[in-house]
Amino acid sequence: MPRLDGTGPMGQGPRTGRGMGNCAGGMGFGCGRGFGRGFGGRNFFTKKEESELLKDEKEALEEELKAIKERLSELESK
């Protein structure tokens, strides 16, 4: 959270970003791609856990894309 006020990266609330802040322990809730990599290639997630994480990340990215599209629409209409 850029402002450390619990509003998330774009003011959309907690767990709406990449999970790189203090709320997620700075471990990267979604970590982008390549779960479990970087530690000798070991995967620390079961398939079910990885699937759930990917679904959560997909939802967060879709919400972020929606917000971006809305903001672009606002800017273009002015």
PDB file of N, CA and C in Angstrom:
ATOM      1  N   MET A   1       0.821  -1.182   0.000  1.00  0.00           N
ATOM      2  CA  MET A   1       0.000   0.000   0.000  1.00  0.00           C
ATOM      3  C   MET A   1       0.864   1.243   0.000  1.00  0.00           C
ATOM      4  N   PRO A   2       0.742   2.000  -1.022  1.00  0.00           N
ATOM      5  CA  PRO A   2       1.586   3.172  -1.151  1.00  0.00           C
ATOM      6  C   PRO A   2       1.469   4.146   0.018  1.00  0.00           C
ATOM      7  N   ARG A   3       0.266   4.320   0.532  1.00  0.00           N
ATOM      8  CA  ARG A   3       0.064   5.291   1.607  1.00  0.00           C
ATOM      9  C   ARG A   3      -0.030   4.618   2.979  1.00  0.00           C
ATOM     10  N   LEU A   4       0.104   3.294   3.032  1.00  0.00           N
ATOM     11  CA  LEU A   4       0.024   2.522   4.276  1.00  0.00           C
ATOM     12  C   LEU A   4      -1.256   2.809   5.049  1.00  0.00           C
ATOM     13  N   ASP A   5      -2.363   3.019   4.306  1.00  0.00           N
ATOM     14  CA  ASP A   5      -3.628   3.352   4.965  1.00  0.00           C
ATOM     15  C   ASP A   5      -4.694   2.273   4.765  1.00  0.00           C
ATOM     16  N   GLY A   6      -4.303   1.110   4.240  1.00  0.00           N
ATOM     17  CA  GLY A   6      -5.241   0.007   4.083  1.00  0.00           C
ATOM     18  C   GLY A   6      -6.161   0.107   2.881  1.00  0.00           C
ATOM     19  N   THR A   7      -5.882   1.053   1.980  1.00  0.00           N
ATOM     20  CA  THR A   7      -6.789   1.243   0.842  1.00  0.00           C
ATOM     21  C   THR A   7      -6.342   0.497  -0.408  1.00  0.00           C
ATOM     22  N   GLY A   8      -5.217  -0.169  -0.374  1.00  0.00           N
ATOM     23  CA  GLY A   8      -4.731  -0.884  -1.555  1.00  0.00           C
ATOM     24  C   GLY A   8      -4.042   0.057  -2.520  1.00  0.00           C
ATOM     25  N   PRO A   9      -3.456  -0.498  -3.574  1.00  0.00           N
ATOM     26  CA  PRO A   9      -2.659   0.318  -4.483  1.00  0.00           C
ATOM     27  C   PRO A   9      -3.445   1.358  -5.268  1.00  0.00           C
ATOM     28  N   MET A  10      -4.722   1.097  -5.526  1.00  0.00           N
ATOM     29  CA  MET A  10      -5.510   2.062  -6.288  1.00  0.00           C
ATOM     30  C   MET A  10      -6.763   2.486  -5.519  1.00  0.00           C
ATOM     31  N   GLY A  11      -6.702   2.375  -4.179  1.00  0.00           N
ATOM     32  CA  GLY A  11      -7.839   2.776  -3.359  1.00  0.00           C
ATOM     33  C   GLY A  11      -8.998   1.795  -3.407  1.00  0.00           C
ATOM     34  N   GLN A  12      -8.735   0.552  -3.821  1.00  0.00           N
ATOM     35  CA  GLN A  12      -9.805  -0.428  -3.966  1.00  0.00           C
ATOM     36  C   GLN A  12      -9.914  -1.378  -2.779  1.00  0.00           C
ATOM     37  N   GLY A  13      -9.145  -1.157  -1.731  1.00  0.00           N
ATOM     38  CA  GLY A  13      -9.219  -1.994  -0.551  1.00  0.00           C
ATOM     39  C   GLY A  13      -8.082  -2.994  -0.472  1.00  0.00           C
ATOM     40  N   PRO A  14      -7.994  -3.695   0.664  1.00  0.00           N
ATOM     41  CA  PRO A  14      -6.911  -4.642   0.859  1.00  0.00           C
ATOM     42  C   PRO A  14      -7.018  -5.836  -0.086  1.00  0.00           C
ATOM     43  N   ARG A  15      -5.882  -6.471  -0.343  1.00  0.00           N
ATOM     44  CA  ARG A  15      -5.754  -7.660  -1.200  1.00  0.00           C
ATOM     45  C   ARG A  15      -6.171  -7.407  -2.638  1.00  0.00           C
ATOM     46  N   THR A  16      -6.024  -6.162  -3.090  1.00  0.00           N
ATOM     47  CA  THR A  16      -6.347  -5.861  -4.479  1.00  0.00           C
ATOM     48  C   THR A  16      -5.087  -5.652  -5.313  1.00  0.00           C
ATOM     49  N   GLY A  17      -3.934  -5.747  -4.675  1.00  0.00           N
ATOM     50  CA  GLY A  17      -2.681  -5.574  -5.403  1.00  0.00           C
ATOM     51  C   GLY A  17      -1.934  -6.883  -5.552  1.00  0.00           C
ATOM     52  N   ARG A  18      -0.613  -6.782  -5.652  1.00  0.00           N
ATOM     53  CA  ARG A  18       0.214  -7.966  -5.853  1.00  0.00           C
ATOM     54  C   ARG A  18       0.634  -8.614  -4.546  1.00  0.00           C
ATOM     55  N   GLY A  19       0.252  -8.058  -3.403  1.00  0.00           N
ATOM     56  CA  GLY A  19       0.602  -8.652  -2.121  1.00  0.00           C
ATOM     57  C   GLY A  19       2.055  -8.452  -1.746  1.00  0.00           C
ATOM     58  N   MET A  20       2.632  -7.354  -2.170  1.00  0.00           N
ATOM     59  CA  MET A  20       4.036  -7.111  -1.887  1.00  0.00           C
ATOM     60  C   MET A  20       4.231  -6.296  -0.610  1.00  0.00           C
ATOM     61  N   GLY A  21       3.152  -5.820  -0.012  1.00  0.00           N
ATOM     62  CA  GLY A  21       3.258  -4.971   1.168  1.00  0.00           C
ATOM     63  C   GLY A  21       3.222  -5.733   2.473  1.00  0.00           C
ATOM     64  N   ASN A  22       3.099  -4.985   3.570  1.00  0.00           N
ATOM     65  CA  ASN A  22       3.133  -5.558   4.909  1.00  0.00           C
ATOM     66  C   ASN A  22       1.957  -6.475   5.196  1.00  0.00           C
ATOM     67  N   CYS A  23       0.798  -6.217   4.630  1.00  0.00           N
ATOM     68  CA  CYS A  23      -0.385  -7.035   4.911  1.00  0.00           C
ATOM     69  C   CYS A  23      -0.174  -8.493   4.518  1.00  0.00           C
ATOM     70  N   ALA A  24       0.593  -8.717   3.473  1.00  0.00           N
ATOM     71  CA  ALA A  24       0.861 -10.078   3.009  1.00  0.00           C
ATOM     72  C   ALA A  24       2.224 -10.552   3.495  1.00  0.00           C
ATOM     73  N   GLY A  25       2.825  -9.798   4.400  1.00  0.00           N
ATOM     74  CA  GLY A  25       4.148 -10.170   4.876  1.00  0.00           C
ATOM     75  C   GLY A  25       5.246  -9.875   3.869  1.00  0.00           C
ATOM     76  N   GLY A  26       4.889  -9.132   2.825  1.00  0.00           N
ATOM     77  CA  GLY A  26       5.876  -8.783   1.813  1.00  0.00           C
ATOM     78  C   GLY A  26       6.345  -9.978   1.006  1.00  0.00           C
ATOM     79  N   MET A  27       5.598 -11.070   1.045  1.00  0.00           N
ATOM     80  CA  MET A  27       6.011 -12.289   0.357  1.00  0.00           C
ATOM     81  C   MET A  27       5.416 -12.394  -1.034  1.00  0.00           C
ATOM     82  N   GLY A  28       4.528 -11.501  -1.381  1.00  0.00           N
ATOM     83  CA  GLY A  28       3.920 -11.573  -2.702  1.00  0.00           C
ATOM     84  C   GLY A  28       2.795 -12.574  -2.712  1.00  0.00           C
ATOM     85  N   PHE A  29       1.599 -12.100  -2.430  1.00  0.00           N
ATOM     86  CA  PHE A  29       0.413 -12.953  -2.355  1.00  0.00           C
ATOM     87  C   PHE A  29       0.264 -13.772  -3.625  1.00  0.00           C
ATOM     88  N   GLY A  30       0.453 -13.137  -4.762  1.00  0.00           N
ATOM     89  CA  GLY A  30       0.368 -13.851  -6.024  1.00  0.00           C
ATOM     90  C   GLY A  30       1.739 -14.114  -6.609  1.00  0.00           C
ATOM     91  N   CYS A  31       2.683 -13.282  -6.294  1.00  0.00           N
ATOM     92  CA  CYS A  31       4.059 -13.389  -6.774  1.00  0.00           C
ATOM     93  C   CYS A  31       4.157 -13.406  -8.288  1.00  0.00           C
ATOM     94  N   GLY A  32       3.153 -12.897  -8.970  1.00  0.00           N
ATOM     95  CA  GLY A  32       3.232 -12.919 -10.417  1.00  0.00           C
ATOM     96  C   GLY A  32       3.173 -14.334 -10.945  1.00  0.00           C
ATOM     97  N   ARG A  33       4.182 -14.767 -11.646  1.00  0.00           N
ATOM     98  CA  ARG A  33       4.189 -16.109 -12.207  1.00  0.00           C
ATOM     99  C   ARG A  33       5.320 -16.926 -11.597  1.00  0.00           C
ATOM    100  N   GLY A  34       5.252 -18.206 -11.712  1.00  0.00           N
ATOM    101  CA  GLY A  34       6.345 -19.064 -11.262  1.00  0.00           C
ATOM    102  C   GLY A  34       6.332 -19.334  -9.777  1.00  0.00           C
ATOM    103  N   PHE A  35       5.255 -19.799  -9.253  1.00  0.00           N
ATOM    104  CA  PHE A  35       5.162 -20.087  -7.824  1.00  0.00           C
ATOM    105  C   PHE A  35       6.203 -21.113  -7.402  1.00  0.00           C
ATOM    106  N   GLY A  36       6.835 -20.842  -6.270  1.00  0.00           N
ATOM    107  CA  GLY A  36       7.787 -21.798  -5.721  1.00  0.00           C
ATOM    108  C   GLY A  36       9.125 -21.798  -6.421  1.00  0.00           C
ATOM    109  N   ARG A  37       9.314 -21.001  -7.442  1.00  0.00           N
ATOM    110  CA  ARG A  37      10.587 -20.972  -8.142  1.00  0.00           C
ATOM    111  C   ARG A  37      11.530 -20.058  -7.362  1.00  0.00           C
ATOM    112  N   GLY A  38      12.786 -20.140  -7.658  1.00  0.00           N
ATOM    113  CA  GLY A  38      13.746 -19.292  -6.967  1.00  0.00           C
ATOM    114  C   GLY A  38      14.327 -19.966  -5.739  1.00  0.00           C
ATOM    115  N   PHE A  39      13.831 -21.121  -5.370  1.00  0.00           N
ATOM    116  CA  PHE A  39      14.358 -21.883  -4.255  1.00  0.00           C
ATOM    117  C   PHE A  39      14.794 -23.249  -4.793  1.00  0.00           C
ATOM    118  N   GLY A  40      15.696 -23.247  -5.729  1.00  0.00           N
ATOM    119  CA  GLY A  40      16.162 -24.482  -6.322  1.00  0.00           C
ATOM    120  C   GLY A  40      15.109 -25.156  -7.187  1.00  0.00           C
ATOM    121  N   GLY A  41      14.096 -24.400  -7.623  1.00  0.00           N
ATOM    122  CA  GLY A  41      13.066 -24.946  -8.495  1.00  0.00           C
ATOM    123  C   GLY A  41      12.025 -25.771  -7.761  1.00  0.00           C
ATOM    124  N   ARG A  42      12.091 -25.813  -6.426  1.00  0.00           N
ATOM    125  CA  ARG A  42      11.105 -26.587  -5.668  1.00  0.00           C
ATOM    126  C   ARG A  42       9.771 -25.876  -5.657  1.00  0.00           C
ATOM    127  N   ASN A  43       8.709 -26.622  -5.730  1.00  0.00           N
ATOM    128  CA  ASN A  43       7.361 -26.069  -5.675  1.00  0.00           C
ATOM    129  C   ASN A  43       6.795 -26.352  -4.291  1.00  0.00           C
ATOM    130  N   PHE A  44       6.480 -25.299  -3.538  1.00  0.00           N
ATOM    131  CA  PHE A  44       6.014 -25.448  -2.170  1.00  0.00           C
ATOM    132  C   PHE A  44       4.493 -25.492  -2.073  1.00  0.00           C
ATOM    133  N   PHE A  45       3.792 -25.514  -3.191  1.00  0.00           N
ATOM    134  CA  PHE A  45       2.336 -25.520  -3.192  1.00  0.00           C
ATOM    135  C   PHE A  45       1.823 -26.820  -3.789  1.00  0.00           C
ATOM    136  N   THR A  46       0.695 -27.286  -3.258  1.00  0.00           N
ATOM    137  CA  THR A  46       0.020 -28.403  -3.917  1.00  0.00           C
ATOM    138  C   THR A  46      -0.671 -27.850  -5.151  1.00  0.00           C
ATOM    139  N   LYS A  47      -1.122 -28.727  -6.019  1.00  0.00           N
ATOM    140  CA  LYS A  47      -1.832 -28.271  -7.219  1.00  0.00           C
ATOM    141  C   LYS A  47      -3.078 -27.489  -6.838  1.00  0.00           C
ATOM    142  N   LYS A  48      -3.785 -27.939  -5.794  1.00  0.00           N
ATOM    143  CA  LYS A  48      -4.999 -27.243  -5.355  1.00  0.00           C
ATOM    144  C   LYS A  48      -4.668 -25.844  -4.843  1.00  0.00           C
ATOM    145  N   GLU A  49      -3.598 -25.735  -4.038  1.00  0.00           N
ATOM    146  CA  GLU A  49      -3.201 -24.426  -3.511  1.00  0.00           C
ATOM    147  C   GLU A  49      -2.775 -23.491  -4.635  1.00  0.00           C
ATOM    148  N   GLU A  50      -1.986 -24.011  -5.567  1.00  0.00           N
ATOM    149  CA  GLU A  50      -1.535 -23.186  -6.680  1.00  0.00           C
ATOM    150  C   GLU A  50      -2.718 -22.742  -7.529  1.00  0.00           C
ATOM    151  N   SER A  51      -3.673 -23.648  -7.734  1.00  0.00           N
ATOM    152  CA  SER A  51      -4.872 -23.312  -8.506  1.00  0.00           C
ATOM    153  C   SER A  51      -5.649 -22.194  -7.831  1.00  0.00           C
ATOM    154  N   GLU A  52      -5.815 -22.294  -6.517  1.00  0.00           N
ATOM    155  CA  GLU A  52      -6.533 -21.251  -5.778  1.00  0.00           C
ATOM    156  C   GLU A  52      -5.796 -19.925  -5.844  1.00  0.00           C
ATOM    157  N   LEU A  53      -4.468 -19.954  -5.708  1.00  0.00           N
ATOM    158  CA  LEU A  53      -3.684 -18.724  -5.800  1.00  0.00           C
ATOM    159  C   LEU A  53      -3.804 -18.095  -7.179  1.00  0.00           C
ATOM    160  N   LEU A  54      -3.758 -18.924  -8.211  1.00  0.00           N
ATOM    161  CA  LEU A  54      -3.871 -18.399  -9.570  1.00  0.00           C
ATOM    162  C   LEU A  54      -5.254 -17.814  -9.826  1.00  0.00           C
ATOM    163  N   LYS A  55      -6.291 -18.449  -9.287  1.00  0.00           N
ATOM    164  CA  LYS A  55      -7.649 -17.912  -9.440  1.00  0.00           C
ATOM    165  C   LYS A  55      -7.764 -16.571  -8.728  1.00  0.00           C
ATOM    166  N   ASP A  56      -7.182 -16.461  -7.526  1.00  0.00           N
ATOM    167  CA  ASP A  56      -7.204 -15.192  -6.791  1.00  0.00           C
ATOM    168  C   ASP A  56      -6.455 -14.116  -7.568  1.00  0.00           C
ATOM    169  N   GLU A  57      -5.297 -14.484  -8.112  1.00  0.00           N
ATOM    170  CA  GLU A  57      -4.513 -13.513  -8.872  1.00  0.00           C
ATOM    171  C   GLU A  57      -5.264 -13.073 -10.129  1.00  0.00           C
ATOM    172  N   LYS A  58      -5.908 -14.034 -10.806  1.00  0.00           N
ATOM    173  CA  LYS A  58      -6.689 -13.714 -12.003  1.00  0.00           C
ATOM    174  C   LYS A  58      -7.795 -12.722 -11.661  1.00  0.00           C
ATOM    175  N   GLU A  59      -8.497 -12.964 -10.554  1.00  0.00           N
ATOM    176  CA  GLU A  59      -9.576 -12.068 -10.145  1.00  0.00           C
ATOM    177  C   GLU A  59      -9.039 -10.671  -9.846  1.00  0.00           C
ATOM    178  N   ALA A  60      -7.909 -10.606  -9.138  1.00  0.00           N
ATOM    179  CA  ALA A  60      -7.312  -9.311  -8.813  1.00  0.00           C
ATOM    180  C   ALA A  60      -6.885  -8.572 -10.071  1.00  0.00           C
ATOM    181  N   LEU A  61      -6.302  -9.298 -11.027  1.00  0.00           N
ATOM    182  CA  LEU A  61      -5.875  -8.666 -12.278  1.00  0.00           C
ATOM    183  C   LEU A  61      -7.069  -8.183 -13.099  1.00  0.00           C
ATOM    184  N   GLU A  62      -8.153  -8.971 -13.101  1.00  0.00           N
ATOM    185  CA  GLU A  62      -9.360  -8.553 -13.824  1.00  0.00           C
ATOM    186  C   GLU A  62      -9.947  -7.291 -13.201  1.00  0.00           C
ATOM    187  N   GLU A  63      -9.939  -7.211 -11.857  1.00  0.00           N
ATOM    188  CA  GLU A  63     -10.444  -6.011 -11.187  1.00  0.00           C
ATOM    189  C   GLU A  63      -9.564  -4.810 -11.492  1.00  0.00           C
ATOM    190  N   GLU A  64      -8.252  -5.024 -11.507  1.00  0.00           N
ATOM    191  CA  GLU A  64      -7.334  -3.932 -11.816  1.00  0.00           C
ATOM    192  C   GLU A  64      -7.525  -3.461 -13.259  1.00  0.00           C
ATOM    193  N   LEU A  65      -7.692  -4.406 -14.183  1.00  0.00           N
ATOM    194  CA  LEU A  65      -7.933  -4.042 -15.583  1.00  0.00           C
ATOM    195  C   LEU A  65      -9.237  -3.271 -15.724  1.00  0.00           C
ATOM    196  N   LYS A  66     -10.262  -3.678 -14.997  1.00  0.00           N
ATOM    197  CA  LYS A  66     -11.545  -2.964 -15.029  1.00  0.00           C
ATOM    198  C   LYS A  66     -11.361  -1.520 -14.561  1.00  0.00           C
ATOM    199  N   ALA A  67     -10.607  -1.344 -13.477  1.00  0.00           N
ATOM    200  CA  ALA A  67     -10.361   0.004 -12.953  1.00  0.00           C
ATOM    201  C   ALA A  67      -9.583   0.845 -13.960  1.00  0.00           C
ATOM    202  N   ILE A  68      -8.623   0.235 -14.627  1.00  0.00           N
ATOM    203  CA  ILE A  68      -7.833   0.950 -15.640  1.00  0.00           C
ATOM    204  C   ILE A  68      -8.723   1.378 -16.798  1.00  0.00           C
ATOM    205  N   LYS A  69      -9.576   0.461 -17.254  1.00  0.00           N
ATOM    206  CA  LYS A  69     -10.480   0.795 -18.352  1.00  0.00           C
ATOM    207  C   LYS A  69     -11.442   1.913 -17.966  1.00  0.00           C
ATOM    208  N   GLU A  70     -11.956   1.867 -16.748  1.00  0.00           N
ATOM    209  CA  GLU A  70     -12.859   2.915 -16.280  1.00  0.00           C
ATOM    210  C   GLU A  70     -12.147   4.263 -16.240  1.00  0.00           C
ATOM    211  N   ARG A  71     -10.923   4.264 -15.724  1.00  0.00           N
ATOM    212  CA  ARG A  71     -10.170   5.518 -15.641  1.00  0.00           C
ATOM    213  C   ARG A  71      -9.845   6.054 -17.033  1.00  0.00           C
ATOM    214  N   LEU A  72      -9.451   5.177 -17.952  1.00  0.00           N
ATOM    215  CA  LEU A  72      -9.202   5.619 -19.326  1.00  0.00           C
ATOM    216  C   LEU A  72     -10.450   6.212 -19.948  1.00  0.00           C
ATOM    217  N   SER A  73     -11.580   5.592 -19.691  1.00  0.00           N
ATOM    218  CA  SER A  73     -12.850   6.087 -20.219  1.00  0.00           C
ATOM    219  C   SER A  73     -13.151   7.472 -19.668  1.00  0.00           C
ATOM    220  N   GLU A  74     -12.903   7.664 -18.359  1.00  0.00           N
ATOM    221  CA  GLU A  74     -13.104   8.975 -17.737  1.00  0.00           C
ATOM    222  C   GLU A  74     -12.226  10.024 -18.393  1.00  0.00           C
ATOM    223  N   LEU A  75     -10.951   9.684 -18.580  1.00  0.00           N
ATOM    224  CA  LEU A  75     -10.000  10.639 -19.157  1.00  0.00           C
ATOM    225  C   LEU A  75     -10.325  10.970 -20.600  1.00  0.00           C
ATOM    226  N   GLU A  76     -10.784   9.990 -21.350  1.00  0.00           N
ATOM    227  CA  GLU A  76     -11.094  10.214 -22.761  1.00  0.00           C
ATOM    228  C   GLU A  76     -12.389  10.983 -22.950  1.00  0.00           C
ATOM    229  N   SER A  77     -13.274  10.921 -21.976  1.00  0.00           N
ATOM    230  CA  SER A  77     -14.547  11.632 -22.103  1.00  0.00           C
ATOM    231  C   SER A  77     -14.450  13.105 -21.727  1.00  0.00           C
ATOM    232  N   LYS A  78     -13.314  13.485 -21.136  1.00  0.00           N
ATOM    233  CA  LYS A  78     -13.137  14.891 -20.722  1.00  0.00           C
ATOM    234  C   LYS A  78     -12.558  15.721 -21.819  1.00  0.00           C
TER     235      LYS A  78
END
